[in-house]
C-alpha cells in the first residue's frame, strides 16, 4: 500500500475538502505525517486522517499571503522538523467573461492559484535541498489545453503553474527534488458541484454529463481518480520523473 511514505512529512494546501482532502487522506494511508494548510476549518479531514492512524496538524493559512506561509513554515518546523512532500492544491475558479474581469479579479485568481505555489515552494524547498530529497506536486488543470470561455484568469494561472513546475524541476533536479504537475479534468467535488455559473446555462448534471461524453472514459471524474497519481509522484518510485504535467481527466485531452 505505502510507497515509501513512512517517516515523511507532507504539507497539503487546500486540504479541508475536495481534491486536497482526498490527497491528504491518501498520503496518510501511505504512512506520511500530514499538515493541512487551509483557510477553511479542516475538522473533517483531521477525523479522516485520525481514522487511518495519523496525527495530523491543521494550520489556518491563506497560502496567497506571504506572512501566513511564513507562519505555516514555522509551525511545520516546530511540530515535525521538516517538509518532505509538498502538494500545492489550493485554488479558486470563478467563471467570468473576459470583458467583466477587473484587475482586482485577475490579481486574486493569480494570487491564490499561482503566487501561493511560489510562496509554498519557497518556504519548503530549502529544507528539501539540505536533505537532498523532496517531492513537489502542483495542481494545474486540463483547461490549459482546451478552449474554455469565461476562464481567462484561471487558465492563465494554471498555465503559470506548469511553467513554475518545469522551472522548479530544472533548478532542483540535482538536489534530489522532483517537481511535477497534475492537470485534472472536471472533477466531482463540493466546489465544482456548488458553482453558481455553468457554461451555456446548463444544469450541473447536464454539464458534468456533457464533459464526460467527450472523454475517452465516459464517466464523471472523482477525487479518488487523482490520488493514485499523487501517491506515485511523491514516492521513491517516481525518483526519475520530474518536470512533467500529467493529465488525469479521463482522456479529455488526448490529442
C-alpha atoms as a PDB file:
ATOM      1  CA  UNK A   1       0.000   0.000   0.000  1.00  0.00           C
ATOM      2  CA  UNK A   2       2.597   2.539   1.053  1.00  0.00           C
ATOM      3  CA  UNK A   3       5.155   3.764  -1.440  1.00  0.00           C
ATOM      4  CA  UNK A   4       7.914   4.719   0.982  1.00  0.00           C
ATOM      5  CA  UNK A   5       5.982   7.495   2.760  1.00  0.00           C
ATOM      6  CA  UNK A   6       6.552   6.226   6.288  1.00  0.00           C
ATOM      7  CA  UNK A   7       8.513   8.733   8.338  1.00  0.00           C
ATOM      8  CA  UNK A   8       7.942  11.517   5.821  1.00  0.00           C
ATOM      9  CA  UNK A   9       6.005  14.740   6.279  1.00  0.00           C
ATOM     10  CA  UNK A  10       3.535  16.016   3.687  1.00  0.00           C
ATOM     11  CA  UNK A  11       2.103  19.526   3.547  1.00  0.00           C
ATOM     12  CA  UNK A  12      -1.144  19.788   1.575  1.00  0.00           C
ATOM     13  CA  UNK A  13      -2.692  23.160   0.760  1.00  0.00           C
ATOM     14  CA  UNK A  14      -6.453  23.393   0.396  1.00  0.00           C
ATOM     15  CA  UNK A  15      -6.797  20.147   2.317  1.00  0.00           C
ATOM     16  CA  UNK A  16     -10.088  20.842   4.066  1.00  0.00           C
ATOM     17  CA  UNK A  17     -12.281  19.319   1.371  1.00  0.00           C
ATOM     18  CA  UNK A  18     -12.402  18.043  -2.191  1.00  0.00           C
ATOM     19  CA  UNK A  19      -9.206  17.114  -4.013  1.00  0.00           C
ATOM     20  CA  UNK A  20      -6.932  18.380  -1.251  1.00  0.00           C
ATOM     21  CA  UNK A  21      -8.730  16.340   1.366  1.00  0.00           C
ATOM     22  CA  UNK A  22      -8.500  13.186  -0.741  1.00  0.00           C
ATOM     23  CA  UNK A  23      -4.768  13.755  -1.289  1.00  0.00           C
ATOM     24  CA  UNK A  24      -4.139  14.305   2.417  1.00  0.00           C
ATOM     25  CA  UNK A  25      -6.005  11.148   3.402  1.00  0.00           C
ATOM     26  CA  UNK A  26      -4.265   9.028   0.746  1.00  0.00           C
ATOM     27  CA  UNK A  27      -0.812  10.214   1.804  1.00  0.00           C
ATOM     28  CA  UNK A  28      -1.748   9.480   5.421  1.00  0.00           C
ATOM     29  CA  UNK A  29      -2.808   5.976   4.378  1.00  0.00           C
ATOM     30  CA  UNK A  30       0.584   5.673   2.706  1.00  0.00           C
ATOM     31  CA  UNK A  31       2.231   6.440   6.045  1.00  0.00           C
ATOM     32  CA  UNK A  32       3.073  10.140   5.841  1.00  0.00           C
ATOM     33  CA  UNK A  33       2.518  12.660   8.612  1.00  0.00           C
ATOM     34  CA  UNK A  34       0.107  15.284   7.282  1.00  0.00           C
ATOM     35  CA  UNK A  35      -0.056  19.059   7.604  1.00  0.00           C
ATOM     36  CA  UNK A  36      -3.245  20.659   6.252  1.00  0.00           C
ATOM     37  CA  UNK A  37      -2.925  24.311   5.238  1.00  0.00           C
ATOM     38  CA  UNK A  38      -6.277  25.937   4.513  1.00  0.00           C
ATOM     39  CA  UNK A  39      -8.341  28.999   5.276  1.00  0.00           C
ATOM     40  CA  UNK A  40     -11.319  26.738   5.967  1.00  0.00           C
ATOM     41  CA  UNK A  41     -11.705  24.534   9.067  1.00  0.00           C
ATOM     42  CA  UNK A  42     -10.154  21.115   8.489  1.00  0.00           C
ATOM     43  CA  UNK A  43     -12.085  19.171  11.138  1.00  0.00           C
ATOM     44  CA  UNK A  44     -13.451  16.580   8.721  1.00  0.00           C
ATOM     45  CA  UNK A  45     -10.066  15.930   7.121  1.00  0.00           C
ATOM     46  CA  UNK A  46      -8.494  15.655  10.567  1.00  0.00           C
ATOM     47  CA  UNK A  47     -11.028  12.999  11.581  1.00  0.00           C
ATOM     48  CA  UNK A  48     -10.484  11.021   8.384  1.00  0.00           C
ATOM     49  CA  UNK A  49      -6.718  11.025   8.873  1.00  0.00           C
ATOM     50  CA  UNK A  50      -7.008  10.118  12.538  1.00  0.00           C
ATOM     51  CA  UNK A  51      -9.246   7.254  11.406  1.00  0.00           C
ATOM     52  CA  UNK A  52      -6.327   5.725   9.494  1.00  0.00           C
ATOM     53  CA  UNK A  53      -3.938   6.188  12.408  1.00  0.00           C
ATOM     54  CA  UNK A  54      -2.476   9.592  11.590  1.00  0.00           C
ATOM     55  CA  UNK A  55      -1.825  12.551  13.867  1.00  0.00           C
ATOM     56  CA  UNK A  56      -2.314  15.498  11.528  1.00  0.00           C
ATOM     57  CA  UNK A  57      -1.612  19.163  12.063  1.00  0.00           C
ATOM     58  CA  UNK A  58      -4.074  21.720  10.684  1.00  0.00           C
ATOM     59  CA  UNK A  59      -2.903  25.302  10.212  1.00  0.00           C
ATOM     60  CA  UNK A  60      -5.277  28.143   9.345  1.00  0.00           C
ATOM     61  CA  UNK A  61      -3.435  29.703   6.441  1.00  0.00           C
ATOM     62  CA  UNK A  62      -4.144  31.881   3.419  1.00  0.00           C
ATOM     63  CA  UNK A  63      -1.444  30.472   1.168  1.00  0.00           C
ATOM     64  CA  UNK A  64      -1.564  33.560  -1.052  1.00  0.00           C
ATOM     65  CA  UNK A  65      -0.233  35.694   1.853  1.00  0.00           C
ATOM     66  CA  UNK A  66       3.498  35.662   2.490  1.00  0.00           C
ATOM     67  CA  UNK A  67       3.137  36.213   6.226  1.00  0.00           C
ATOM     68  CA  UNK A  68       0.709  33.304   6.618  1.00  0.00           C
ATOM     69  CA  UNK A  69       3.004  30.967   4.696  1.00  0.00           C
ATOM     70  CA  UNK A  70       5.988  32.018   6.824  1.00  0.00           C
ATOM     71  CA  UNK A  71       3.973  31.203   9.956  1.00  0.00           C
ATOM     72  CA  UNK A  72       2.990  27.857   8.440  1.00  0.00           C
ATOM     73  CA  UNK A  73       6.657  27.068   7.855  1.00  0.00           C
ATOM     74  CA  UNK A  74       7.466  27.823  11.492  1.00  0.00           C
ATOM     75  CA  UNK A  75       4.657  25.576  12.738  1.00  0.00           C
ATOM     76  CA  UNK A  76       5.710  22.703  10.470  1.00  0.00           C
ATOM     77  CA  UNK A  77       9.297  23.066  11.662  1.00  0.00           C
ATOM     78  CA  UNK A  78       8.236  23.135  15.311  1.00  0.00           C
ATOM     79  CA  UNK A  79       5.987  20.056  15.035  1.00  0.00           C
ATOM     80  CA  UNK A  80       7.809  17.844  12.544  1.00  0.00           C
ATOM     81  CA  UNK A  81      11.177  19.442  11.813  1.00  0.00           C
ATOM     82  CA  UNK A  82      10.773  19.337   8.044  1.00  0.00           C
ATOM     83  CA  UNK A  83       8.576  19.017   4.968  1.00  0.00           C
ATOM     84  CA  UNK A  84       9.401  16.194   2.571  1.00  0.00           C
ATOM     85  CA  UNK A  85       6.331  16.308   0.334  1.00  0.00           C
ATOM     86  CA  UNK A  86       4.529  19.455  -0.792  1.00  0.00           C
ATOM     87  CA  UNK A  87       1.166  19.209  -2.529  1.00  0.00           C
ATOM     88  CA  UNK A  88       0.082  22.618  -3.817  1.00  0.00           C
ATOM     89  CA  UNK A  89      -3.633  22.132  -4.384  1.00  0.00           C
ATOM     90  CA  UNK A  90      -5.364  25.313  -3.162  1.00  0.00           C
ATOM     91  CA  UNK A  91      -7.114  27.201  -5.925  1.00  0.00           C
ATOM     92  CA  UNK A  92     -10.182  29.146  -6.997  1.00  0.00           C
ATOM     93  CA  UNK A  93     -12.028  29.010 -10.311  1.00  0.00           C
ATOM     94  CA  UNK A  94     -14.526  31.815 -10.835  1.00  0.00           C
ATOM     95  CA  UNK A  95     -16.216  31.955 -14.215  1.00  0.00           C
ATOM     96  CA  UNK A  96     -16.313  35.441 -15.752  1.00  0.00           C
ATOM     97  CA  UNK A  97     -16.421  36.758 -19.319  1.00  0.00           C
ATOM     98  CA  UNK A  98     -13.091  38.385 -20.118  1.00  0.00           C
ATOM     99  CA  UNK A  99     -14.633  41.848 -20.506  1.00  0.00           C
ATOM    100  CA  UNK A 100     -16.053  41.607 -16.982  1.00  0.00           C
ATOM    101  CA  UNK A 101     -12.812  40.587 -15.270  1.00  0.00           C
ATOM    102  CA  UNK A 102     -11.497  43.501 -13.227  1.00  0.00           C
ATOM    103  CA  UNK A 103      -7.818  43.812 -12.457  1.00  0.00           C
ATOM    104  CA  UNK A 104      -8.698  43.021  -8.848  1.00  0.00           C
ATOM    105  CA  UNK A 105     -10.414  39.794 -10.007  1.00  0.00           C
ATOM    106  CA  UNK A 106      -7.388  38.928 -12.140  1.00  0.00           C
ATOM    107  CA  UNK A 107      -4.915  39.523  -9.326  1.00  0.00           C
ATOM    108  CA  UNK A 108      -6.952  37.489  -6.829  1.00  0.00           C
ATOM    109  CA  UNK A 109      -7.061  34.417  -9.066  1.00  0.00           C
ATOM    110  CA  UNK A 110      -3.356  34.699  -9.884  1.00  0.00           C
ATOM    111  CA  UNK A 111      -2.542  35.180  -6.195  1.00  0.00           C
ATOM    112  CA  UNK A 112      -4.431  32.120  -4.968  1.00  0.00           C
ATOM    113  CA  UNK A 113      -3.635  29.821  -7.886  1.00  0.00           C
ATOM    114  CA  UNK A 114      -0.044  30.762  -8.742  1.00  0.00           C
ATOM    115  CA  UNK A 115       1.537  33.112  -6.193  1.00  0.00           C
ATOM    116  CA  UNK A 116       0.638  30.610  -3.472  1.00  0.00           C
ATOM    117  CA  UNK A 117       2.658  27.894  -5.187  1.00  0.00           C
ATOM    118  CA  UNK A 118       5.662  30.193  -5.393  1.00  0.00           C
ATOM    119  CA  UNK A 119       5.361  31.075  -1.690  1.00  0.00           C
ATOM    120  CA  UNK A 120       4.822  27.494  -0.549  1.00  0.00           C
ATOM    121  CA  UNK A 121       7.670  26.138  -2.647  1.00  0.00           C
ATOM    122  CA  UNK A 122       9.959  28.916  -1.447  1.00  0.00           C
ATOM    123  CA  UNK A 123       9.075  28.100   2.169  1.00  0.00           C
ATOM    124  CA  UNK A 124       9.975  24.410   1.974  1.00  0.00           C
ATOM    125  CA  UNK A 125      12.374  23.783  -0.895  1.00  0.00           C
ATOM    126  CA  UNK A 126      15.387  24.937   1.122  1.00  0.00           C
ATOM    127  CA  UNK A 127      14.927  22.167   3.674  1.00  0.00           C
ATOM    128  CA  UNK A 128      14.356  19.610   0.935  1.00  0.00           C
ATOM    129  CA  UNK A 129      17.580  20.756  -0.680  1.00  0.00           C
ATOM    130  CA  UNK A 130      19.525  20.360   2.564  1.00  0.00           C
ATOM    131  CA  UNK A 131      18.217  16.814   2.989  1.00  0.00           C
ATOM    132  CA  UNK A 132      18.616  16.093  -0.728  1.00  0.00           C
ATOM    133  CA  UNK A 133      15.132  14.629  -1.032  1.00  0.00           C
ATOM    134  CA  UNK A 134      11.833  16.242  -1.816  1.00  0.00           C
ATOM    135  CA  UNK A 135       8.646  15.897  -3.831  1.00  0.00           C
ATOM    136  CA  UNK A 136       6.574  18.806  -5.104  1.00  0.00           C
ATOM    137  CA  UNK A 137       3.217  18.223  -6.801  1.00  0.00           C
ATOM    138  CA  UNK A 138       1.383  21.241  -8.181  1.00  0.00           C
ATOM    139  CA  UNK A 139      -2.224  21.075  -9.330  1.00  0.00           C
ATOM    140  CA  UNK A 140      -2.761  22.615 -12.754  1.00  0.00           C
ATOM    141  CA  UNK A 141      -5.809  21.996 -14.989  1.00  0.00           C
ATOM    142  CA  UNK A 142      -6.605  20.392 -18.315  1.00  0.00           C
ATOM    143  CA  UNK A 143      -8.252  23.675 -19.344  1.00  0.00           C
ATOM    144  CA  UNK A 144      -4.798  24.902 -20.407  1.00  0.00           C
ATOM    145  CA  UNK A 145      -5.136  22.611 -23.441  1.00  0.00           C
ATOM    146  CA  UNK A 146      -8.789  23.357 -24.162  1.00  0.00           C
ATOM    147  CA  UNK A 147     -10.863  26.276 -25.417  1.00  0.00           C
ATOM    148  CA  UNK A 148     -12.998  27.209 -22.422  1.00  0.00           C
ATOM    149  CA  UNK A 149     -14.658  30.657 -22.438  1.00  0.00           C
ATOM    150  CA  UNK A 150     -15.025  32.547 -19.191  1.00  0.00           C
ATOM    151  CA  UNK A 151     -11.851  31.319 -17.528  1.00  0.00           C
ATOM    152  CA  UNK A 152      -9.117  33.648 -18.828  1.00  0.00           C
ATOM    153  CA  UNK A 153      -7.681  34.392 -15.386  1.00  0.00           C
ATOM    154  CA  UNK A 154      -7.980  30.758 -14.274  1.00  0.00           C
ATOM    155  CA  UNK A 155      -6.390  29.347 -17.421  1.00  0.00           C
ATOM    156  CA  UNK A 156      -3.568  31.898 -17.283  1.00  0.00           C
ATOM    157  CA  UNK A 157      -2.853  30.989 -13.667  1.00  0.00           C
ATOM    158  CA  UNK A 158      -2.790  27.271 -14.401  1.00  0.00           C
ATOM    159  CA  UNK A 159      -0.508  27.742 -17.407  1.00  0.00           C
ATOM    160  CA  UNK A 160       1.778  29.582 -14.999  1.00  0.00           C
ATOM    161  CA  UNK A 161       1.648  26.611 -12.641  1.00  0.00           C
ATOM    162  CA  UNK A 162       3.002  24.375 -15.404  1.00  0.00           C
ATOM    163  CA  UNK A 163       5.781  26.853 -16.144  1.00  0.00           C
ATOM    164  CA  UNK A 164       6.707  27.129 -12.459  1.00  0.00           C
ATOM    165  CA  UNK A 165       6.734  23.350 -12.132  1.00  0.00           C
ATOM    166  CA  UNK A 166       9.168  22.996 -15.021  1.00  0.00           C
ATOM    167  CA  UNK A 167      11.375  25.711 -13.549  1.00  0.00           C
ATOM    168  CA  UNK A 168      11.487  24.006 -10.138  1.00  0.00           C
ATOM    169  CA  UNK A 169      12.295  20.674 -11.777  1.00  0.00           C
ATOM    170  CA  UNK A 170      15.128  22.251 -13.751  1.00  0.00           C
ATOM    171  CA  UNK A 171      16.623  24.131 -10.817  1.00  0.00           C
ATOM    172  CA  UNK A 172      16.489  21.417  -8.163  1.00  0.00           C
ATOM    173  CA  UNK A 173      16.883  18.185 -10.100  1.00  0.00           C
ATOM    174  CA  UNK A 174      20.447  17.743  -8.890  1.00  0.00           C
ATOM    175  CA  UNK A 175      19.303  18.108  -5.278  1.00  0.00           C
ATOM    176  CA  UNK A 176      17.092  15.019  -5.155  1.00  0.00           C
ATOM    177  CA  UNK A 177      13.920  17.094  -5.561  1.00  0.00           C
ATOM    178  CA  UNK A 178      11.281  16.370  -8.195  1.00  0.00           C
ATOM    179  CA  UNK A 179       8.513  18.715  -9.248  1.00  0.00           C
ATOM    180  CA  UNK A 180       5.537  17.622 -11.312  1.00  0.00           C
ATOM    181  CA  UNK A 181       2.081  18.934 -12.144  1.00  0.00           C
ATOM    182  CA  UNK A 182      -1.226  17.134 -12.273  1.00  0.00           C
ATOM    183  CA  UNK A 183      -3.857  18.518 -14.640  1.00  0.00           C
ATOM    184  CA  UNK A 184      -7.265  17.202 -13.592  1.00  0.00           C
ATOM    185  CA  UNK A 185     -10.352  17.429 -15.710  1.00  0.00           C
ATOM    186  CA  UNK A 186     -13.845  18.204 -14.472  1.00  0.00           C
ATOM    187  CA  UNK A 187     -13.929  16.513 -11.067  1.00  0.00           C
ATOM    188  CA  UNK A 188     -16.900  15.951  -8.797  1.00  0.00           C
ATOM    189  CA  UNK A 189     -16.160  17.987  -5.666  1.00  0.00           C
ATOM    190  CA  UNK A 190     -18.232  20.195  -3.355  1.00  0.00           C
ATOM    191  CA  UNK A 191     -16.652  23.189  -5.070  1.00  0.00           C
ATOM    192  CA  UNK A 192     -17.486  22.192  -8.631  1.00  0.00           C
ATOM    193  CA  UNK A 193     -20.942  20.984  -7.661  1.00  0.00           C
ATOM    194  CA  UNK A 194     -21.631  24.266  -5.900  1.00  0.00           C
ATOM    195  CA  UNK A 195     -20.536  26.505  -8.757  1.00  0.00           C
ATOM    196  CA  UNK A 196     -23.187  29.122  -9.466  1.00  0.00           C
ATOM    197  CA  UNK A 197     -22.291  29.823 -13.075  1.00  0.00           C
ATOM    198  CA  UNK A 198     -22.167  26.941 -15.530  1.00  0.00           C
ATOM    199  CA  UNK A 199     -21.145  27.230 -19.194  1.00  0.00           C
ATOM    200  CA  UNK A 200     -24.098  27.544 -21.547  1.00  0.00           C
ATOM    201  CA  UNK A 201     -26.542  27.940 -18.674  1.00  0.00           C
ATOM    202  CA  UNK A 202     -26.804  24.157 -18.316  1.00  0.00           C
ATOM    203  CA  UNK A 203     -27.754  22.384 -15.135  1.00  0.00           C
ATOM    204  CA  UNK A 204     -24.880  20.948 -13.108  1.00  0.00           C
ATOM    205  CA  UNK A 205     -25.770  17.371 -14.022  1.00  0.00           C
ATOM    206  CA  UNK A 206     -26.048  18.210 -17.719  1.00  0.00           C
ATOM    207  CA  UNK A 207     -22.692  19.985 -17.691  1.00  0.00           C
ATOM    208  CA  UNK A 208     -20.941  17.091 -15.947  1.00  0.00           C
ATOM    209  CA  UNK A 209     -22.500  14.644 -18.400  1.00  0.00           C
ATOM    210  CA  UNK A 210     -21.524  16.737 -21.430  1.00  0.00           C
ATOM    211  CA  UNK A 211     -17.878  16.790 -20.342  1.00  0.00           C
ATOM    212  CA  UNK A 212     -17.881  13.063 -19.569  1.00  0.00           C
ATOM    213  CA  UNK A 213     -19.236  12.291 -23.037  1.00  0.00           C
ATOM    214  CA  UNK A 214     -16.195  13.992 -24.610  1.00  0.00           C
ATOM    215  CA  UNK A 215     -13.761  11.903 -22.605  1.00  0.00           C
ATOM    216  CA  UNK A 216     -12.283   8.571 -23.617  1.00  0.00           C
ATOM    217  CA  UNK A 217     -13.542   7.226 -20.277  1.00  0.00           C
ATOM    218  CA  UNK A 218     -17.124   8.385 -20.265  1.00  0.00           C
ATOM    219  CA  UNK A 219     -17.887   8.959 -16.626  1.00  0.00           C
ATOM    220  CA  UNK A 220     -17.570  11.868 -14.246  1.00  0.00           C
ATOM    221  CA  UNK A 221     -14.148  12.200 -12.621  1.00  0.00           C
ATOM    222  CA  UNK A 222     -13.951  11.642  -8.867  1.00  0.00           C
ATOM    223  CA  UNK A 223     -11.336  12.749  -6.352  1.00  0.00           C
ATOM    224  CA  UNK A 224     -10.375   9.085  -5.929  1.00  0.00           C
ATOM    225  CA  UNK A 225      -9.193   9.120  -9.551  1.00  0.00           C
ATOM    226  CA  UNK A 226      -6.433  11.612  -8.677  1.00  0.00           C
ATOM    227  CA  UNK A 227      -4.896  10.275  -5.504  1.00  0.00           C
ATOM    228  CA  UNK A 228      -3.031   7.341  -7.026  1.00  0.00           C
ATOM    229  CA  UNK A 229      -1.077   9.727  -9.244  1.00  0.00           C
ATOM    230  CA  UNK A 230      -0.247  11.883  -6.218  1.00  0.00           C
ATOM    231  CA  UNK A 231       0.889   8.826  -4.276  1.00  0.00           C
ATOM    232  CA  UNK A 232       3.148   7.730  -7.136  1.00  0.00           C
ATOM    233  CA  UNK A 233       4.669  11.131  -7.877  1.00  0.00           C
ATOM    234  CA  UNK A 234       5.558  11.659  -4.217  1.00  0.00           C
ATOM    235  CA  UNK A 235       7.207   8.249  -3.871  1.00  0.00           C
ATOM    236  CA  UNK A 236      10.679   6.816  -4.427  1.00  0.00           C
ATOM    237  CA  UNK A 237       9.222   5.000  -7.434  1.00  0.00           C
ATOM    238  CA  UNK A 238       8.974   8.387  -9.190  1.00  0.00           C
ATOM    239  CA  UNK A 239      12.551   9.475  -8.489  1.00  0.00           C
ATOM    240  CA  UNK A 240      13.282   9.824 -12.242  1.00  0.00           C
ATOM    241  CA  UNK A 241      10.028  11.615 -13.108  1.00  0.00           C
ATOM    242  CA  UNK A 242      10.219  15.402 -12.976  1.00  0.00           C
ATOM    243  CA  UNK A 243       9.076  18.467 -14.876  1.00  0.00           C
ATOM    244  CA  UNK A 244       6.053  16.608 -16.213  1.00  0.00           C
ATOM    245  CA  UNK A 245       2.388  17.554 -16.451  1.00  0.00           C
ATOM    246  CA  UNK A 246       0.171  14.500 -16.135  1.00  0.00           C
ATOM    247  CA  UNK A 247      -3.397  14.885 -17.384  1.00  0.00           C
ATOM    248  CA  UNK A 248      -5.786  12.917 -15.204  1.00  0.00           C
ATOM    249  CA  UNK A 249      -9.019  13.714 -16.998  1.00  0.00           C
ATOM    250  CA  UNK A 250     -10.399  10.501 -18.408  1.00  0.00           C
ATOM    251  CA  UNK A 251      -8.733  11.218 -21.734  1.00  0.00           C
ATOM    252  CA  UNK A 252     -10.495  14.512 -22.456  1.00  0.00           C
ATOM    253  CA  UNK A 253      -7.157  15.920 -23.606  1.00  0.00           C
ATOM    254  CA  UNK A 254      -5.707  13.168 -25.781  1.00  0.00           C
ATOM    255  CA  UNK A 255      -4.525  14.803 -28.991  1.00  0.00           C
END
